[in-house]
Amino acid sequence: MWEAWALAAMALLAWLWFDSMRAREGAVAAGSRACERNGLQFLDQTVECVSLRPARDENGRVALRRVYRFEFSDNGDNRRGGSIVMMGGKVESLTMEPFLLQ
């Protein structure tokens, strides 16, 4: 019986890993697009997951809400922060620190 539980736990971990990689790729794409749209540099071409918790989406279904942090630069000499909230595989919100418009 414990083999079935171990197999189910491994399957759950594999799903969580796959789902997290898909959400991370979406967050990287969203951050990169936002920086490109505003003429900014998306630094390190990566995001960092700082929060993961269950939440309900707009349809009332339980999904994982992930908060990612990223950095960008407006002039190449500084680092500014931003965050992306992903609900499941969709971007819920994207915020960026104030930056100089050129």
C-alpha atoms as a PDB file:
ATOM      1  CA  MET A   1       0.000   0.000   0.000  1.00  0.00           C
ATOM      2  CA  TRP A   2       2.812   2.440   0.787  1.00  0.00           C
ATOM      3  CA  GLU A   3       4.108   1.997  -2.781  1.00  0.00           C
ATOM      4  CA  ALA A   4       0.892   3.508  -4.115  1.00  0.00           C
ATOM      5  CA  TRP A   5       1.250   6.494  -1.767  1.00  0.00           C
ATOM      6  CA  ALA A   6       4.883   6.957  -2.759  1.00  0.00           C
ATOM      7  CA  LEU A   7       3.961   6.799  -6.442  1.00  0.00           C
ATOM      8  CA  ALA A   8       1.139   9.318  -5.939  1.00  0.00           C
ATOM      9  CA  ALA A   9       3.496  11.661  -4.058  1.00  0.00           C
ATOM     10  CA  MET A  10       6.076  11.415  -6.847  1.00  0.00           C
ATOM     11  CA  ALA A  11       3.395  12.125  -9.462  1.00  0.00           C
ATOM     12  CA  LEU A  12       2.218  15.159  -7.470  1.00  0.00           C
ATOM     13  CA  LEU A  13       5.770  16.494  -7.190  1.00  0.00           C
ATOM     14  CA  ALA A  14       6.336  15.973 -10.933  1.00  0.00           C
ATOM     15  CA  TRP A  15       3.118  17.864 -11.726  1.00  0.00           C
ATOM     16  CA  LEU A  16       4.095  20.701  -9.357  1.00  0.00           C
ATOM     17  CA  TRP A  17       7.527  20.979 -10.978  1.00  0.00           C
ATOM     18  CA  PHE A  18       6.088  20.978 -14.522  1.00  0.00           C
ATOM     19  CA  ASP A  19       3.389  23.508 -13.612  1.00  0.00           C
ATOM     20  CA  SER A  20       5.954  25.754 -11.899  1.00  0.00           C
ATOM     21  CA  MET A  21       8.244  25.714 -14.947  1.00  0.00           C
ATOM     22  CA  ARG A  22       5.311  26.641 -17.206  1.00  0.00           C
ATOM     23  CA  ALA A  23       4.304  29.512 -14.908  1.00  0.00           C
ATOM     24  CA  ARG A  24       7.920  30.695 -14.661  1.00  0.00           C
ATOM     25  CA  GLU A  25       8.265  30.775 -18.451  1.00  0.00           C
ATOM     26  CA  GLY A  26       5.078  32.857 -18.635  1.00  0.00           C
ATOM     27  CA  ALA A  27       6.424  35.266 -16.016  1.00  0.00           C
ATOM     28  CA  VAL A  28       9.737  35.670 -17.862  1.00  0.00           C
ATOM     29  CA  ALA A  29       7.870  36.379 -21.103  1.00  0.00           C
ATOM     30  CA  ALA A  30       5.560  38.908 -19.402  1.00  0.00           C
ATOM     31  CA  GLY A  31       8.472  40.724 -17.723  1.00  0.00           C
ATOM     32  CA  SER A  32      10.462  40.796 -20.934  1.00  0.00           C
ATOM     33  CA  ARG A  33       7.496  42.158 -22.941  1.00  0.00           C
ATOM     34  CA  ALA A  34       6.801  44.858 -20.332  1.00  0.00           C
ATOM     35  CA  CYS A  35      10.420  45.997 -20.389  1.00  0.00           C
ATOM     36  CA  GLU A  36      10.561  45.959 -24.177  1.00  0.00           C
ATOM     37  CA  ARG A  37       7.313  47.933 -24.426  1.00  0.00           C
ATOM     38  CA  ASN A  38       8.709  50.636 -22.116  1.00  0.00           C
ATOM     39  CA  GLY A  39      12.234  50.734 -23.583  1.00  0.00           C
ATOM     40  CA  LEU A  40      13.838  49.168 -20.504  1.00  0.00           C
ATOM     41  CA  GLN A  41      16.447  46.471 -19.992  1.00  0.00           C
ATOM     42  CA  PHE A  42      15.145  43.213 -18.503  1.00  0.00           C
ATOM     43  CA  LEU A  43      18.121  42.275 -16.323  1.00  0.00           C
ATOM     44  CA  ASP A  44      19.456  38.729 -16.014  1.00  0.00           C
ATOM     45  CA  GLN A  45      16.619  37.432 -18.253  1.00  0.00           C
ATOM     46  CA  THR A  46      15.110  35.680 -15.234  1.00  0.00           C
ATOM     47  CA  VAL A  47      12.538  35.898 -12.460  1.00  0.00           C
ATOM     48  CA  GLU A  48      12.599  34.658  -8.863  1.00  0.00           C
ATOM     49  CA  CYS A  49       9.619  32.985  -7.199  1.00  0.00           C
ATOM     50  CA  VAL A  50       9.077  34.613  -3.808  1.00  0.00           C
ATOM     51  CA  SER A  51       5.633  33.251  -2.920  1.00  0.00           C
ATOM     52  CA  LEU A  52       3.537  30.191  -3.749  1.00  0.00           C
ATOM     53  CA  ARG A  53       0.102  29.596  -2.256  1.00  0.00           C
ATOM     54  CA  PRO A  54      -3.316  28.252  -3.228  1.00  0.00           C
ATOM     55  CA  ALA A  55      -5.988  30.792  -4.155  1.00  0.00           C
ATOM     56  CA  ARG A  56      -9.259  30.935  -6.056  1.00  0.00           C
ATOM     57  CA  ASP A  57      -9.299  32.214  -9.624  1.00  0.00           C
ATOM     58  CA  GLU A  58     -12.045  34.353 -11.197  1.00  0.00           C
ATOM     59  CA  ASN A  59     -14.165  31.224 -11.782  1.00  0.00           C
ATOM     60  CA  GLY A  60     -13.901  30.126  -8.141  1.00  0.00           C
ATOM     61  CA  ARG A  61     -11.572  27.211  -8.852  1.00  0.00           C
ATOM     62  CA  VAL A  62      -8.534  26.568  -6.688  1.00  0.00           C
ATOM     63  CA  ALA A  63      -5.266  27.410  -8.443  1.00  0.00           C
ATOM     64  CA  LEU A  64      -1.724  28.215  -7.400  1.00  0.00           C
ATOM     65  CA  ARG A  65      -0.880  31.914  -7.077  1.00  0.00           C
ATOM     66  CA  ARG A  66       2.810  32.580  -7.586  1.00  0.00           C
ATOM     67  CA  VAL A  67       4.574  35.885  -7.046  1.00  0.00           C
ATOM     68  CA  TYR A  68       7.763  36.437  -9.022  1.00  0.00           C
ATOM     69  CA  ARG A  69      10.298  39.213  -8.581  1.00  0.00           C
ATOM     70  CA  PHE A  70      12.488  40.553 -11.387  1.00  0.00           C
ATOM     71  CA  GLU A  71      14.880  43.434 -11.991  1.00  0.00           C
ATOM     72  CA  PHE A  72      15.127  45.946 -14.799  1.00  0.00           C
ATOM     73  CA  SER A  73      17.131  49.050 -15.598  1.00  0.00           C
ATOM     74  CA  ASP A  74      15.978  52.303 -17.128  1.00  0.00           C
ATOM     75  CA  ASN A  75      19.433  53.696 -17.979  1.00  0.00           C
ATOM     76  CA  GLY A  76      21.832  50.736 -17.668  1.00  0.00           C
ATOM     77  CA  ASP A  77      23.474  52.009 -14.464  1.00  0.00           C
ATOM     78  CA  ASN A  78      20.861  51.011 -11.907  1.00  0.00           C
ATOM     79  CA  ARG A  79      18.597  48.177 -10.878  1.00  0.00           C
ATOM     80  CA  ARG A  80      14.924  48.601 -10.211  1.00  0.00           C
ATOM     81  CA  GLY A  81      12.488  45.953  -9.057  1.00  0.00           C
ATOM     82  CA  GLY A  82       9.242  44.633 -10.363  1.00  0.00           C
ATOM     83  CA  SER A  83       6.850  41.831  -9.553  1.00  0.00           C
ATOM     84  CA  ILE A  84       4.579  39.551 -11.510  1.00  0.00           C
ATOM     85  CA  VAL A  85       1.650  37.686  -9.965  1.00  0.00           C
ATOM     86  CA  MET A  86       0.688  34.518 -11.836  1.00  0.00           C
ATOM     87  CA  MET A  87      -2.615  32.767 -11.157  1.00  0.00           C
ATOM     88  CA  GLY A  88      -2.179  29.304 -12.547  1.00  0.00           C
ATOM     89  CA  GLY A  89      -0.549  29.967 -15.918  1.00  0.00           C
ATOM     90  CA  LYS A  90      -1.965  33.452 -16.482  1.00  0.00           C
ATOM     91  CA  VAL A  91      -0.586  36.851 -15.516  1.00  0.00           C
ATOM     92  CA  GLU A  92      -2.792  38.402 -12.844  1.00  0.00           C
ATOM     93  CA  SER A  93      -0.767  41.586 -12.334  1.00  0.00           C
ATOM     94  CA  LEU A  94       2.571  43.148 -13.186  1.00  0.00           C
ATOM     95  CA  THR A  95       4.037  46.070 -11.234  1.00  0.00           C
ATOM     96  CA  MET A  96       7.284  47.971 -11.678  1.00  0.00           C
ATOM     97  CA  GLU A  97       9.108  50.548  -9.587  1.00  0.00           C
ATOM     98  CA  PRO A  98       8.914  54.081 -10.991  1.00  0.00           C
ATOM     99  CA  PHE A  99      11.430  54.798 -13.731  1.00  0.00           C
ATOM    100  CA  LEU A 100      12.476  57.722 -15.889  1.00  0.00           C
ATOM    101  CA  LEU A 101      10.673  58.128 -19.193  1.00  0.00           C
ATOM    102  CA  GLN A 102      12.981  59.002 -22.042  1.00  0.00           C
END
